[in-house]
C-alpha atoms as a PDB file:
ATOM      1  CA  MET A   1       0.000   0.000   0.000  1.00  0.00           C
ATOM      2  CA  SER A   2       2.831   2.405   0.813  1.00  0.00           C
ATOM      3  CA  ALA A   3       4.269   2.007  -2.686  1.00  0.00           C
ATOM      4  CA  GLN A   4       1.034   3.139  -4.371  1.00  0.00           C
ATOM      5  CA  PRO A   5       1.697   6.929  -4.219  1.00  0.00           C
ATOM      6  CA  TYR A   6       5.101   6.446  -5.860  1.00  0.00           C
ATOM      7  CA  VAL A   7       3.496   4.556  -8.764  1.00  0.00           C
ATOM      8  CA  GLU A   8       0.793   7.161  -9.412  1.00  0.00           C
ATOM      9  CA  ALA A   9       2.944  10.272  -9.021  1.00  0.00           C
ATOM     10  CA  PRO A  10       4.800   9.892 -12.352  1.00  0.00           C
ATOM     11  CA  ARG A  11       1.473   9.462 -14.146  1.00  0.00           C
ATOM     12  CA  ARG A  12       0.081  12.662 -12.652  1.00  0.00           C
ATOM     13  CA  TRP A  13       3.238  14.593 -13.482  1.00  0.00           C
ATOM     14  CA  GLY A  14       3.261  13.042 -16.983  1.00  0.00           C
ATOM     15  CA  THR A  15      -0.266  14.289 -17.626  1.00  0.00           C
ATOM     16  CA  LEU A  16       0.610  17.773 -16.375  1.00  0.00           C
ATOM     17  CA  ALA A  17       3.707  17.776 -18.574  1.00  0.00           C
ATOM     18  CA  GLU A  18       1.594  16.911 -21.618  1.00  0.00           C
ATOM     19  CA  PHE A  19      -0.831  19.775 -20.875  1.00  0.00           C
ATOM     20  CA  ALA A  20       2.140  22.108 -20.433  1.00  0.00           C
ATOM     21  CA  LYS A  21       3.149  21.461 -24.056  1.00  0.00           C
ATOM     22  CA  LEU A  22      -0.144  22.738 -25.504  1.00  0.00           C
ATOM     23  CA  PRO A  23       0.632  26.486 -25.183  1.00  0.00           C
ATOM     24  CA  ALA A  24       3.692  25.920 -27.372  1.00  0.00           C
ATOM     25  CA  PHE A  25       1.471  24.575 -30.163  1.00  0.00           C
ATOM     26  CA  LEU A  26      -0.912  27.535 -29.700  1.00  0.00           C
ATOM     27  CA  ARG A  27       1.904  30.085 -29.803  1.00  0.00           C
ATOM     28  CA  ARG A  28       3.473  28.511 -32.891  1.00  0.00           C
ATOM     29  CA  ASP A  29       0.212  28.493 -34.887  1.00  0.00           C
ATOM     30  CA  LEU A  30      -0.677  32.024 -33.768  1.00  0.00           C
ATOM     31  CA  LEU A  31       2.697  33.340 -34.959  1.00  0.00           C
ATOM     32  CA  THR A  32       2.298  31.425 -38.223  1.00  0.00           C
ATOM     33  CA  ALA A  33      -1.168  32.932 -38.816  1.00  0.00           C
ATOM     34  CA  LEU A  34       0.080  36.435 -38.064  1.00  0.00           C
ATOM     35  CA  SER A  35       3.020  35.987 -40.430  1.00  0.00           C
ATOM     36  CA  TYR A  36       0.534  35.546 -43.302  1.00  0.00           C
ATOM     37  CA  ARG A  37      -1.352  38.770 -42.628  1.00  0.00           C
ATOM     38  CA  PHE A  38      -2.683  39.192 -46.158  1.00  0.00           C
ATOM     39  CA  GLY A  39      -4.477  35.842 -46.069  1.00  0.00           C
ATOM     40  CA  PHE A  40      -5.723  36.577 -42.566  1.00  0.00           C
ATOM     41  CA  VAL A  41      -7.221  39.921 -43.623  1.00  0.00           C
ATOM     42  CA  THR A  42      -8.659  38.732 -46.940  1.00  0.00           C
ATOM     43  CA  GLY A  43     -10.458  35.902 -45.145  1.00  0.00           C
ATOM     44  CA  TRP A  44     -12.329  38.460 -43.058  1.00  0.00           C
ATOM     45  CA  ILE A  45     -12.998  40.638 -46.112  1.00  0.00           C
ATOM     46  CA  ALA A  46     -14.466  37.675 -48.000  1.00  0.00           C
ATOM     47  CA  LEU A  47     -16.752  36.919 -45.065  1.00  0.00           C
ATOM     48  CA  GLY A  48     -17.922  40.531 -44.956  1.00  0.00           C
ATOM     49  CA  LEU A  49     -18.564  40.606 -48.711  1.00  0.00           C
ATOM     50  CA  GLN A  50     -20.656  37.459 -48.358  1.00  0.00           C
ATOM     51  CA  ALA A  51     -22.824  39.270 -45.810  1.00  0.00           C
ATOM     52  CA  VAL A  52     -23.193  42.229 -48.211  1.00  0.00           C
ATOM     53  CA  LEU A  53     -24.224  39.853 -51.010  1.00  0.00           C
ATOM     54  CA  PHE A  54     -26.921  38.269 -48.859  1.00  0.00           C
ATOM     55  CA  TYR A  55     -28.113  41.725 -47.821  1.00  0.00           C
ATOM     56  CA  PHE A  56     -28.967  42.540 -51.438  1.00  0.00           C
ATOM     57  CA  VAL A  57     -30.388  39.060 -52.051  1.00  0.00           C
ATOM     58  CA  GLY A  58     -32.639  39.690 -49.066  1.00  0.00           C
ATOM     59  CA  GLU A  59     -34.121  42.684 -50.876  1.00  0.00           C
ATOM     60  CA  LEU A  60     -35.618  40.224 -53.368  1.00  0.00           C
ATOM     61  CA  VAL A  61     -37.020  37.789 -50.789  1.00  0.00           C
ATOM     62  CA  ASP A  62     -40.571  38.111 -49.487  1.00  0.00           C
ATOM     63  CA  PRO A  63     -40.327  38.236 -45.657  1.00  0.00           C
ATOM     64  CA  GLY A  64     -43.664  36.398 -45.484  1.00  0.00           C
ATOM     65  CA  ALA A  65     -41.956  33.315 -46.914  1.00  0.00           C
ATOM     66  CA  LEU A  66     -39.626  33.121 -43.913  1.00  0.00           C
ATOM     67  CA  PRO A  67     -40.414  31.406 -40.604  1.00  0.00           C
ATOM     68  CA  SER A  68     -41.003  33.501 -37.513  1.00  0.00           C
ATOM     69  CA  TYR A  69     -39.176  33.010 -34.221  1.00  0.00           C
ATOM     70  CA  GLY A  70     -40.898  33.594 -30.911  1.00  0.00           C
ATOM     71  CA  GLY A  71     -43.735  35.274 -32.803  1.00  0.00           C
ATOM     72  CA  HIS A  72     -41.315  37.789 -34.346  1.00  0.00           C
ATOM     73  CA  ASP A  73     -40.989  38.239 -38.107  1.00  0.00           C
ATOM     74  CA  VAL A  74     -37.405  38.377 -39.374  1.00  0.00           C
ATOM     75  CA  THR A  75     -35.671  39.776 -42.423  1.00  0.00           C
ATOM     76  CA  TYR A  76     -33.867  37.462 -44.806  1.00  0.00           C
ATOM     77  CA  LEU A  77     -30.456  38.751 -43.714  1.00  0.00           C
ATOM     78  CA  GLU A  78     -31.307  38.070 -40.053  1.00  0.00           C
ATOM     79  CA  PHE A  79     -32.386  34.569 -41.089  1.00  0.00           C
ATOM     80  CA  ALA A  80     -29.338  33.924 -43.261  1.00  0.00           C
ATOM     81  CA  ILE A  81     -26.600  35.582 -41.203  1.00  0.00           C
ATOM     82  CA  ILE A  82     -26.676  32.833 -38.567  1.00  0.00           C
ATOM     83  CA  GLY A  83     -26.513  30.224 -41.331  1.00  0.00           C
ATOM     84  CA  ILE A  84     -23.580  32.071 -42.922  1.00  0.00           C
ATOM     85  CA  ALA A  85     -21.743  32.160 -39.593  1.00  0.00           C
ATOM     86  CA  LEU A  86     -22.357  28.486 -38.769  1.00  0.00           C
ATOM     87  CA  GLY A  87     -21.787  27.261 -42.322  1.00  0.00           C
ATOM     88  CA  GLY A  88     -18.513  29.184 -42.462  1.00  0.00           C
ATOM     89  CA  PHE A  89     -17.585  27.856 -39.030  1.00  0.00           C
ATOM     90  CA  THR A  90     -18.138  24.255 -40.177  1.00  0.00           C
ATOM     91  CA  ALA A  91     -16.252  24.603 -43.470  1.00  0.00           C
ATOM     92  CA  LEU A  92     -13.325  26.459 -41.877  1.00  0.00           C
ATOM     93  CA  ALA A  93     -13.044  24.095 -38.912  1.00  0.00           C
ATOM     94  CA  LEU A  94     -13.188  20.965 -41.088  1.00  0.00           C
ATOM     95  CA  GLY A  95     -10.540  22.314 -43.417  1.00  0.00           C
ATOM     96  CA  ARG A  96      -8.214  23.695 -40.770  1.00  0.00           C
ATOM     97  CA  ILE A  97      -8.185  20.578 -38.579  1.00  0.00           C
ATOM     98  CA  SER A  98      -7.076  18.299 -41.410  1.00  0.00           C
ATOM     99  CA  ALA A  99      -4.787  21.016 -42.799  1.00  0.00           C
ATOM    100  CA  GLY A 100      -2.933  21.063 -39.474  1.00  0.00           C
ATOM    101  CA  ILE A 101      -1.798  17.459 -39.959  1.00  0.00           C
ATOM    102  CA  ARG A 102      -1.143  18.014 -43.670  1.00  0.00           C
ATOM    103  CA  ASN A 103       1.056  21.036 -42.957  1.00  0.00           C
ATOM    104  CA  GLU A 104       3.056  19.025 -40.426  1.00  0.00           C
ATOM    105  CA  GLN A 105       3.637  16.449 -43.171  1.00  0.00           C
ATOM    106  CA  LEU A 106       4.660  19.021 -45.769  1.00  0.00           C
ATOM    107  CA  MET A 107       7.024  20.826 -43.385  1.00  0.00           C
ATOM    108  CA  GLY A 108       8.572  17.532 -42.343  1.00  0.00           C
ATOM    109  CA  THR A 109       7.770  18.103 -38.671  1.00  0.00           C
ATOM    110  CA  LEU A 110       5.138  15.385 -38.162  1.00  0.00           C
ATOM    111  CA  GLU A 111       7.603  12.518 -37.931  1.00  0.00           C
ATOM    112  CA  SER A 112       9.864  14.606 -35.681  1.00  0.00           C
ATOM    113  CA  LEU A 113       6.950  15.298 -33.340  1.00  0.00           C
ATOM    114  CA  LEU A 114       5.990  11.645 -33.168  1.00  0.00           C
ATOM    115  CA  VAL A 115       9.474  10.481 -32.157  1.00  0.00           C
ATOM    116  CA  THR A 116       9.569  12.933 -29.236  1.00  0.00           C
ATOM    117  CA  PRO A 117       8.241  11.840 -25.817  1.00  0.00           C
ATOM    118  CA  THR A 118       4.921  13.498 -26.643  1.00  0.00           C
ATOM    119  CA  SER A 119       1.611  11.658 -26.524  1.00  0.00           C
ATOM    120  CA  PRO A 120      -0.235  11.312 -29.879  1.00  0.00           C
ATOM    121  CA  ASN A 121      -3.269  12.766 -28.073  1.00  0.00           C
ATOM    122  CA  THR A 122      -1.251  15.883 -27.233  1.00  0.00           C
ATOM    123  CA  ILE A 123      -0.193  16.195 -30.869  1.00  0.00           C
ATOM    124  CA  GLN A 124      -3.804  15.778 -32.030  1.00  0.00           C
ATOM    125  CA  ILE A 125      -5.062  18.469 -29.670  1.00  0.00           C
ATOM    126  CA  GLY A 126      -2.056  20.727 -30.201  1.00  0.00           C
ATOM    127  CA  THR A 127      -2.379  20.829 -33.990  1.00  0.00           C
ATOM    128  CA  VAL A 128      -6.016  21.997 -33.756  1.00  0.00           C
ATOM    129  CA  LEU A 129      -5.861  24.039 -30.530  1.00  0.00           C
ATOM    130  CA  TYR A 130      -5.441  27.366 -32.324  1.00  0.00           C
ATOM    131  CA  ASP A 131      -8.455  26.636 -34.526  1.00  0.00           C
ATOM    132  CA  LEU A 132     -10.554  25.498 -31.557  1.00  0.00           C
ATOM    133  CA  VAL A 133      -9.952  28.955 -30.073  1.00  0.00           C
ATOM    134  CA  TYR A 134      -9.918  31.103 -33.209  1.00  0.00           C
ATOM    135  CA  VAL A 135     -12.877  29.714 -35.184  1.00  0.00           C
ATOM    136  CA  PRO A 136     -15.562  30.139 -32.457  1.00  0.00           C
ATOM    137  CA  VAL A 137     -14.202  33.628 -31.629  1.00  0.00           C
ATOM    138  CA  ARG A 138     -14.271  34.496 -35.340  1.00  0.00           C
ATOM    139  CA  THR A 139     -17.880  33.326 -35.597  1.00  0.00           C
ATOM    140  CA  ALA A 140     -18.986  35.367 -32.575  1.00  0.00           C
ATOM    141  CA  LEU A 141     -17.171  38.508 -33.771  1.00  0.00           C
ATOM    142  CA  PHE A 142     -18.713  38.132 -37.218  1.00  0.00           C
ATOM    143  CA  LEU A 143     -22.216  38.020 -35.736  1.00  0.00           C
ATOM    144  CA  VAL A 144     -21.516  41.090 -33.590  1.00  0.00           C
ATOM    145  CA  PHE A 145     -19.980  43.005 -36.507  1.00  0.00           C
ATOM    146  CA  THR A 146     -22.811  42.297 -38.963  1.00  0.00           C
ATOM    147  CA  THR A 147     -25.418  43.114 -36.314  1.00  0.00           C
ATOM    148  CA  LEU A 148     -23.887  46.558 -35.797  1.00  0.00           C
ATOM    149  CA  VAL A 149     -23.253  47.313 -39.482  1.00  0.00           C
ATOM    150  CA  PHE A 150     -26.606  46.171 -40.873  1.00  0.00           C
ATOM    151  CA  GLY A 151     -28.708  47.010 -37.834  1.00  0.00           C
ATOM    152  CA  LEU A 152     -29.916  43.450 -37.338  1.00  0.00           C
ATOM    153  CA  ASP A 153     -32.316  42.700 -34.516  1.00  0.00           C
ATOM    154  CA  LEU A 154     -30.349  39.935 -32.782  1.00  0.00           C
ATOM    155  CA  ARG A 155     -31.069  39.482 -29.074  1.00  0.00           C
ATOM    156  CA  ALA A 156     -27.929  39.970 -26.973  1.00  0.00           C
ATOM    157  CA  ALA A 157     -29.719  38.178 -24.132  1.00  0.00           C
ATOM    158  CA  GLY A 158     -29.840  35.032 -26.262  1.00  0.00           C
ATOM    159  CA  LEU A 159     -26.076  34.917 -26.778  1.00  0.00           C
ATOM    160  CA  PRO A 160     -25.272  32.661 -23.751  1.00  0.00           C
ATOM    161  CA  ALA A 161     -27.890  30.127 -24.889  1.00  0.00           C
ATOM    162  CA  ALA A 162     -26.542  30.249 -28.452  1.00  0.00           C
ATOM    163  CA  LEU A 163     -22.965  29.704 -27.209  1.00  0.00           C
ATOM    164  CA  LEU A 164     -24.131  26.724 -25.153  1.00  0.00           C
ATOM    165  CA  VAL A 165     -25.524  25.078 -28.273  1.00  0.00           C
ATOM    166  CA  LEU A 166     -22.355  25.933 -30.199  1.00  0.00           C
ATOM    167  CA  MET A 167     -20.206  24.259 -27.511  1.00  0.00           C
ATOM    168  CA  ALA A 168     -22.278  21.086 -27.918  1.00  0.00           C
ATOM    169  CA  PHE A 169     -21.767  21.230 -31.696  1.00  0.00           C
ATOM    170  CA  ILE A 170     -18.001  21.839 -31.752  1.00  0.00           C
ATOM    171  CA  PRO A 171     -17.028  18.199 -30.909  1.00  0.00           C
ATOM    172  CA  PHE A 172     -19.114  17.043 -33.896  1.00  0.00           C
ATOM    173  CA  VAL A 173     -17.061  19.171 -36.286  1.00  0.00           C
ATOM    174  CA  TRP A 174     -13.846  18.300 -34.455  1.00  0.00           C
ATOM    175  CA  GLY A 175     -14.562  14.577 -34.838  1.00  0.00           C
ATOM    176  CA  LEU A 176     -15.153  14.909 -38.589  1.00  0.00           C
ATOM    177  CA  GLY A 177     -11.996  16.986 -38.921  1.00  0.00           C
ATOM    178  CA  VAL A 178      -9.875  14.477 -37.003  1.00  0.00           C
ATOM    179  CA  ALA A 179     -11.306  11.620 -39.095  1.00  0.00           C
ATOM    180  CA  ASN A 180     -10.359  13.509 -42.239  1.00  0.00           C
ATOM    181  CA  ALA A 181      -6.898  14.098 -40.764  1.00  0.00           C
ATOM    182  CA  GLY A 182      -6.594  10.325 -40.505  1.00  0.00           C
ATOM    183  CA  LEU A 183      -7.494  10.030 -44.204  1.00  0.00           C
ATOM    184  CA  VAL A 184      -4.864  12.678 -44.983  1.00  0.00           C
ATOM    185  CA  LEU A 185      -2.253  10.607 -43.129  1.00  0.00           C
ATOM    186  CA  THR A 186      -3.084   7.606 -45.295  1.00  0.00           C
ATOM    187  CA  PHE A 187      -4.012   9.071 -48.679  1.00  0.00           C
ATOM    188  CA  ARG A 188      -2.083  12.419 -48.485  1.00  0.00           C
ATOM    189  CA  ARG A 189      -5.100  14.331 -49.788  1.00  0.00           C
ATOM    190  CA  GLY A 190      -8.295  15.409 -48.064  1.00  0.00           C
ATOM    191  CA  ALA A 191      -9.432  18.769 -49.405  1.00  0.00           C
ATOM    192  CA  GLY A 192     -11.982  17.191 -51.744  1.00  0.00           C
ATOM    193  CA  VAL A 193     -13.546  15.138 -48.968  1.00  0.00           C
ATOM    194  CA  VAL A 194     -13.688  18.179 -46.675  1.00  0.00           C
ATOM    195  CA  GLY A 195     -15.250  20.408 -49.314  1.00  0.00           C
ATOM    196  CA  PHE A 196     -17.855  17.845 -50.307  1.00  0.00           C
ATOM    197  CA  GLY A 197     -18.752  17.042 -46.703  1.00  0.00           C
ATOM    198  CA  ALA A 198     -19.081  20.720 -45.758  1.00  0.00           C
ATOM    199  CA  MET A 199     -21.259  21.358 -48.828  1.00  0.00           C
ATOM    200  CA  ILE A 200     -23.662  18.496 -48.013  1.00  0.00           C
ATOM    201  CA  LEU A 201     -23.914  19.497 -44.341  1.00  0.00           C
ATOM    202  CA  THR A 202     -24.628  23.118 -45.272  1.00  0.00           C
ATOM    203  CA  LEU A 203     -27.113  22.258 -48.041  1.00  0.00           C
ATOM    204  CA  LEU A 204     -29.157  20.134 -45.644  1.00  0.00           C
ATOM    205  CA  SER A 205     -28.944  22.587 -42.752  1.00  0.00           C
ATOM    206  CA  GLY A 206     -31.395  25.309 -43.729  1.00  0.00           C
ATOM    207  CA  ALA A 207     -28.540  27.799 -43.535  1.00  0.00           C
ATOM    208  CA  TYR A 208     -29.675  29.876 -46.498  1.00  0.00           C
ATOM    209  CA  PHE A 209     -33.283  28.800 -47.044  1.00  0.00           C
ATOM    210  CA  PRO A 210     -36.020  27.136 -44.954  1.00  0.00           C
ATOM    211  CA  LEU A 211     -35.874  23.338 -44.925  1.00  0.00           C
ATOM    212  CA  ASP A 212     -39.541  23.275 -45.951  1.00  0.00           C
ATOM    213  CA  LEU A 213     -38.422  24.103 -49.500  1.00  0.00           C
ATOM    214  CA  LEU A 214     -36.609  20.763 -49.794  1.00  0.00           C
ATOM    215  CA  PRO A 215     -38.419  17.664 -51.110  1.00  0.00           C
ATOM    216  CA  GLY A 216     -40.381  15.995 -48.298  1.00  0.00           C
ATOM    217  CA  TRP A 217     -38.092  12.995 -47.795  1.00  0.00           C
ATOM    218  CA  LEU A 218     -34.974  15.172 -47.918  1.00  0.00           C
ATOM    219  CA  ALA A 219     -36.435  17.662 -45.434  1.00  0.00           C
ATOM    220  CA  THR A 220     -37.102  14.754 -43.061  1.00  0.00           C
ATOM    221  CA  VAL A 221     -33.492  13.570 -43.355  1.00  0.00           C
ATOM    222  CA  ALA A 222     -32.214  17.135 -42.879  1.00  0.00           C
ATOM    223  CA  GLN A 223     -33.989  17.413 -39.526  1.00  0.00           C
ATOM    224  CA  TYR A 224     -31.399  14.971 -38.119  1.00  0.00           C
ATOM    225  CA  ASN A 225     -28.447  16.992 -39.415  1.00  0.00           C
ATOM    226  CA  PRO A 226     -26.565  18.296 -36.340  1.00  0.00           C
ATOM    227  CA  LEU A 227     -25.736  21.503 -38.202  1.00  0.00           C
ATOM    228  CA  ALA A 228     -29.444  22.050 -38.914  1.00  0.00           C
ATOM    229  CA  LEU A 229     -30.281  21.448 -35.239  1.00  0.00           C
ATOM    230  CA  THR A 230     -27.579  23.920 -34.192  1.00  0.00           C
ATOM    231  CA  ILE A 231     -28.626  26.648 -36.623  1.00  0.00           C
ATOM    232  CA  ASP A 232     -32.303  26.316 -35.749  1.00  0.00           C
ATOM    233  CA  SER A 233     -31.591  26.467 -32.016  1.00  0.00           C
ATOM    234  CA  MET A 234     -29.292  29.478 -32.392  1.00  0.00           C
ATOM    235  CA  ARG A 235     -31.961  31.257 -34.422  1.00  0.00           C
ATOM    236  CA  GLU A 236     -34.500  30.560 -31.697  1.00  0.00           C
ATOM    237  CA  SER A 237     -32.069  32.008 -29.139  1.00  0.00           C
ATOM    238  CA  LEU A 238     -30.901  35.066 -31.092  1.00  0.00           C
ATOM    239  CA  LEU A 239     -34.099  35.892 -33.015  1.00  0.00           C
ATOM    240  CA  GLY A 240     -36.832  34.468 -30.769  1.00  0.00           C
ATOM    241  CA  ASN A 241     -37.518  34.006 -27.095  1.00  0.00           C
ATOM    242  CA  ALA A 242     -35.650  30.749 -26.432  1.00  0.00           C
ATOM    243  CA  GLY A 243     -33.699  30.686 -23.179  1.00  0.00           C
ATOM    244  CA  THR A 244     -31.164  28.488 -21.447  1.00  0.00           C
ATOM    245  CA  THR A 245     -33.642  25.659 -20.838  1.00  0.00           C
ATOM    246  CA  ASP A 246     -34.431  25.438 -24.565  1.00  0.00           C
ATOM    247  CA  ALA A 247     -30.719  25.536 -25.349  1.00  0.00           C
ATOM    248  CA  LEU A 248     -30.064  22.656 -22.934  1.00  0.00           C
ATOM    249  CA  VAL A 249     -32.732  20.584 -24.700  1.00  0.00           C
ATOM    250  CA  ALA A 250     -31.161  21.353 -28.077  1.00  0.00           C
ATOM    251  CA  ALA A 251     -27.667  20.591 -26.741  1.00  0.00           C
ATOM    252  CA  ALA A 252     -28.921  17.231 -25.446  1.00  0.00           C
ATOM    253  CA  GLU A 253     -30.141  16.417 -28.987  1.00  0.00           C
ATOM    254  CA  ILE A 254     -26.816  17.422 -30.550  1.00  0.00           C
ATOM    255  CA  LEU A 255     -24.445  15.807 -28.022  1.00  0.00           C
ATOM    256  CA  PRO A 256     -25.029  12.159 -29.092  1.00  0.00           C
ATOM    257  CA  PHE A 257     -23.984  13.080 -32.641  1.00  0.00           C
ATOM    258  CA  SER A 258     -20.964  14.929 -31.247  1.00  0.00           C
ATOM    259  CA  VAL A 259     -19.884  12.017 -29.054  1.00  0.00           C
ATOM    260  CA  VAL A 260     -20.154   9.506 -31.922  1.00  0.00           C
ATOM    261  CA  SER A 261     -18.328  11.861 -34.305  1.00  0.00           C
ATOM    262  CA  LEU A 262     -15.505  12.634 -31.864  1.00  0.00           C
ATOM    263  CA  LEU A 263     -14.932   9.031 -30.769  1.00  0.00           C
ATOM    264  CA  GLY A 264     -15.156   7.790 -34.352  1.00  0.00           C
ATOM    265  CA  GLY A 265     -12.764  10.472 -35.561  1.00  0.00           C
ATOM    266  CA  LEU A 266     -10.193   9.708 -32.870  1.00  0.00           C
ATOM    267  CA  TRP A 267     -10.457   5.979 -33.649  1.00  0.00           C
ATOM    268  CA  ILE A 268      -9.895   6.565 -37.392  1.00  0.00           C
ATOM    269  CA  PHE A 269      -6.926   8.841 -36.683  1.00  0.00           C
ATOM    270  CA  ARG A 270      -5.318   6.324 -34.309  1.00  0.00           C
ATOM    271  CA  LEU A 271      -5.890   3.547 -36.870  1.00  0.00           C
ATOM    272  CA  ALA A 272      -4.247   5.616 -39.613  1.00  0.00           C
ATOM    273  CA  LEU A 273      -1.344   6.596 -37.354  1.00  0.00           C
ATOM    274  CA  ARG A 274      -0.768   2.966 -36.346  1.00  0.00           C
ATOM    275  CA  ARG A 275      -0.743   1.920 -40.002  1.00  0.00           C
ATOM    276  CA  GLU A 276       1.716   4.616 -41.067  1.00  0.00           C
ATOM    277  CA  ARG A 277       4.035   3.778 -38.180  1.00  0.00           C
ATOM    278  CA  ARG A 278       3.946   0.103 -39.108  1.00  0.00           C
ATOM    279  CA  LEU A 279       4.769   0.879 -42.747  1.00  0.00           C
ATOM    280  CA  GLY A 280       7.296   3.582 -41.853  1.00  0.00           C
ATOM    281  CA  THR A 281       5.575   6.089 -44.176  1.00  0.00           C
ATOM    282  CA  ILE A 282       4.642   8.879 -41.753  1.00  0.00           C
ATOM    283  CA  GLY A 283       7.188  11.231 -43.294  1.00  0.00           C
ATOM    284  CA  LEU A 284       5.966  10.683 -46.873  1.00  0.00           C
ATOM    285  CA  TYR A 285       3.771  13.331 -48.488  1.00  0.00           C
END
């Protein structure tokens, strides 16, 4: 019994040491992003121009064709801006997570990382940590910016409930991104899979038009799309009267999809990593 503390202590310190490595990944990716300032700025400009485009499209849309939230009628831009933010969040997160592994391959640092005394889990988290911080912040700032510029009637009181739903949705996107990173490890390419997956998720999410416009069977399928559940709940929070209780119900519906996606993604990545180590092809790109 007296030997037990001496067995567990190294494990505790090992876990703390792994967590202590994560800020180094965050700092590296932040400095890398800031070193490519033109791409950083143009990404924000493109997002803003998309909002301007939908503003003018909204001038052609009959507001009576849009659903109401909490008994309140909404403009098309108010309806679409949440879909733009969440659709952009999904596409960016999916692409950036797999791109993190791909960039490590191309720079020749992936194999070097894996031969260090660093857990593969730490490497997985570290390569996407910057995006896990940046992408949600980017989404929130975009919503605030467009609300101020276009005078949208988004409820600030609904922001905590909307963020709660977003937190439940993030592991779903993370899981898909990690799974795609596993495919990148094996097949060296993943942009096509990411783009196609993001397009299907967004098309069946009601991001830009009500799901009622889809064929009946497709609208039924779309109701089980986690992105559609997230967008609808965030609209209820930011445009209607939904509160924290409603957000908790929505989060409970989304979490099973997130758990399956995250566990499945981690399993696929570990499987791919094990295969590449066995074949000695981790450094190939």
